[in-house]
Protein backbone atom coordinates (compact mmCIF):
# COMPACT_ATOMS: atom_id res chain seq x y z
CA MET A 1 103.53 -147.36 -38.55
CA ASN A 2 106.24 -150.08 -38.12
CA ILE A 3 108.37 -149.21 -34.93
CA ALA A 4 111.34 -151.38 -34.10
CA VAL A 5 114.15 -151.11 -31.27
CA ARG A 6 117.44 -152.45 -32.24
CA LYS A 7 121.18 -152.41 -31.30
CA ALA A 8 122.68 -148.99 -32.72
CA GLU A 9 125.29 -149.41 -35.47
CA ARG A 10 128.09 -147.18 -36.71
CA LYS A 11 125.75 -146.10 -39.54
CA ASP A 12 123.38 -144.50 -36.76
CA LEU A 13 126.11 -141.98 -35.77
CA GLU A 14 124.45 -139.12 -37.51
CA SER A 15 121.15 -139.96 -36.34
CA ILE A 16 122.14 -140.15 -32.66
CA LEU A 17 124.00 -136.87 -32.96
CA SER A 18 120.83 -135.24 -34.17
CA LEU A 19 118.67 -136.65 -31.44
CA ASN A 20 121.37 -135.61 -29.11
CA LYS A 21 121.46 -132.04 -30.23
CA ALA A 22 117.63 -132.31 -29.77
CA LEU A 23 118.11 -133.32 -26.15
CA PHE A 24 120.15 -130.66 -25.49
CA ASP A 25 118.05 -128.07 -27.06
CA TYR A 26 115.25 -129.53 -25.06
CA GLU A 27 117.08 -129.50 -22.01
CA SER A 28 118.19 -125.92 -22.16
CA LYS A 29 114.71 -124.64 -21.29
CA PHE A 30 115.36 -126.15 -17.99
CA ASP A 31 118.88 -124.79 -17.49
CA HIS A 32 121.50 -123.18 -19.55
CA GLU A 33 124.29 -125.38 -18.55
CA TYR A 34 124.79 -127.43 -21.53
CA ASN A 35 126.86 -126.36 -24.30
CA LEU A 36 124.72 -126.46 -27.34
CA ASP A 37 127.54 -126.88 -29.70
CA TRP A 38 129.03 -129.63 -28.08
CA THR A 39 127.26 -132.60 -29.89
CA TYR A 40 128.68 -131.87 -33.29
CA SER A 41 131.86 -130.75 -31.85
CA GLU A 42 135.23 -132.95 -32.40
CA LYS A 43 134.91 -134.06 -28.65
CA GLY A 44 131.20 -134.83 -28.70
CA ARG A 45 131.30 -136.80 -31.95
CA SER A 46 134.36 -138.60 -30.56
CA TYR A 47 132.38 -139.40 -27.39
CA PHE A 48 129.56 -140.97 -29.40
CA GLN A 49 132.07 -142.94 -31.84
CA LYS A 50 133.72 -144.35 -28.65
CA ARG A 51 130.67 -145.29 -26.99
CA LEU A 52 129.32 -147.03 -30.18
CA GLU A 53 132.69 -149.07 -30.49
CA SER A 54 132.68 -149.75 -26.55
CA ASP A 55 131.94 -153.22 -25.02
CA SER A 56 130.89 -151.08 -21.85
CA SER A 57 128.28 -149.51 -23.97
CA ILE A 58 124.56 -150.36 -24.60
CA ILE A 59 123.09 -148.13 -27.39
CA LEU A 60 119.69 -148.83 -28.82
CA VAL A 61 117.65 -146.80 -31.26
CA ALA A 62 113.99 -146.88 -32.25
CA GLU A 63 113.28 -146.79 -35.72
CA ALA A 64 109.87 -145.83 -37.47
CA ASP A 65 109.71 -146.80 -40.99
CA SER A 66 113.49 -146.84 -41.46
CA THR A 67 114.05 -143.49 -39.61
CA VAL A 68 115.72 -143.47 -36.22
CA VAL A 69 113.38 -141.34 -33.96
CA GLY A 70 114.85 -142.24 -30.60
CA TYR A 71 117.83 -143.73 -28.75
CA ILE A 72 119.32 -144.60 -25.46
CA LEU A 73 122.88 -144.91 -24.43
CA LEU A 74 123.85 -146.72 -21.30
CA PHE A 75 127.44 -147.08 -19.86
CA ILE A 76 128.43 -149.73 -17.58
CA HIS A 77 130.39 -148.74 -14.69
CA VAL A 78 131.99 -150.50 -11.78
CA PHE A 79 131.95 -148.29 -8.39
CA ALA A 80 134.42 -149.49 -5.94
CA TYR A 81 132.49 -148.20 -3.04
CA ARG A 82 129.14 -149.86 -4.21
CA LEU A 83 128.27 -153.23 -3.10
CA HIS A 84 126.11 -154.09 -6.08
CA ASN A 85 128.23 -153.78 -9.40
CA PRO A 86 128.28 -153.40 -12.33
CA ILE A 87 125.94 -150.37 -12.73
CA ALA A 88 124.78 -149.04 -16.03
CA GLU A 89 123.99 -145.56 -16.29
CA ILE A 90 121.69 -144.08 -18.76
CA GLU A 91 123.81 -141.14 -20.09
CA ASN A 92 121.48 -140.25 -22.78
CA MET A 93 117.99 -140.93 -23.86
CA PHE A 94 115.90 -139.07 -26.34
CA VAL A 95 112.51 -139.55 -28.32
CA ARG A 96 111.57 -137.10 -31.06
CA GLU A 97 108.55 -135.16 -29.72
CA ASP A 98 106.33 -136.25 -32.68
CA TYR A 99 106.74 -139.86 -31.41
CA ARG A 100 106.18 -139.42 -27.64
CA ASN A 101 103.41 -141.00 -25.83
CA GLN A 102 103.65 -144.07 -27.87
CA LYS A 103 105.45 -146.25 -25.37
CA LEU A 104 109.07 -145.71 -27.22
CA GLY A 105 111.08 -144.53 -23.96
CA THR A 106 109.46 -147.52 -22.19
CA ARG A 107 110.46 -149.89 -24.97
CA LEU A 108 113.90 -148.43 -25.29
CA ILE A 109 114.44 -148.71 -21.35
CA THR A 110 112.81 -152.43 -21.52
CA GLU A 111 115.17 -153.61 -24.22
CA ALA A 112 118.30 -152.00 -22.59
CA LYS A 113 117.42 -153.68 -19.28
CA LYS A 114 117.13 -157.04 -20.91
CA ILE A 115 120.53 -156.47 -22.63
CA ALA A 116 122.12 -154.91 -19.21
CA ALA A 117 120.91 -158.05 -17.06
CA LYS A 118 122.62 -160.57 -19.60
CA ARG A 119 125.83 -158.57 -19.11
CA GLY A 120 125.53 -159.02 -15.27
CA VAL A 121 124.68 -155.45 -14.60
CA LYS A 122 122.95 -155.21 -10.94
CA ARG A 123 121.62 -151.64 -11.16
CA ILE A 124 120.44 -148.81 -13.66
CA ARG A 125 120.87 -145.31 -12.84
CA VAL A 126 119.62 -142.28 -14.55
CA ALA A 127 120.15 -138.69 -13.82
CA ALA A 128 117.15 -136.15 -14.76
CA MET A 129 117.37 -132.24 -14.44
CA ALA A 130 115.58 -131.57 -11.11
CA LYS A 131 113.26 -129.05 -13.11
CA ASN A 132 112.23 -131.63 -15.78
CA ALA A 133 109.20 -133.13 -13.90
CA ASP A 134 108.12 -135.06 -17.03
CA ALA A 135 111.36 -136.98 -17.14
CA ARG A 136 111.38 -137.58 -13.61
CA ARG A 137 107.80 -138.71 -13.73
CA PHE A 138 108.50 -141.13 -16.70
CA TYR A 139 111.51 -142.82 -15.20
CA LYS A 140 109.60 -143.01 -11.94
CA SER A 141 106.62 -144.68 -13.63
CA LEU A 142 109.23 -147.33 -14.77
CA GLY A 143 110.39 -148.04 -11.26
CA PHE A 144 113.33 -145.92 -10.90
CA ASP A 145 113.39 -144.17 -7.35
CA ASP A 146 115.39 -141.54 -5.69
CA PHE A 147 118.71 -142.73 -4.64
CA GLU A 148 120.83 -139.65 -4.33
CA SER A 149 120.44 -136.18 -5.05
CA ILE A 150 123.10 -133.92 -6.85
CA LEU A 151 123.25 -130.29 -5.76
CA GLU A 152 125.22 -127.86 -7.60
CA ILE A 153 126.03 -124.05 -7.31
CA PRO A 154 127.86 -121.72 -9.53
CA LEU A 155 130.91 -120.45 -7.89
CA ASP A 156 130.28 -116.79 -8.86
CA LYS A 157 126.88 -117.03 -6.65
CA ALA A 158 128.56 -118.85 -4.03
CA ALA A 159 131.15 -116.17 -3.65
CA THR A 160 128.32 -113.43 -3.42
CA SER A 161 126.02 -115.33 -1.18
CA SER A 162 128.54 -115.82 1.79
């Protein structure tokens, strides 16, 4: 099987949307916070189209025999309160389940890191759902470390727990 990682193009939009929908479906087993209809909504489609056209984005796809089977999307930010800028955030990443454990995720991140470094990016960050131990383990195996924790509470629970 021939697997290649390359820069995403406009022609990849439908494949990326399909993978993002699969990501949301997968993540819904950890929490039911994601709107599973968002990806194919007007706003979801627009988000990905804008990211594909933005100079502040890095989007790569993994292709197996001409079929897109994974992707990574980073967006480059400048945080005025941070000393080391710019920072690229992995906003989305997904590899189809039947292509996992073949180092595709590692290849996507490795290539994204090279491109980010050439663009002057100083750090890469990623958020993983706290209950998604596999994702957290994967990112840590690639050198990502805990930097901050984001804690949430639904307001309907906050009001009743006081």
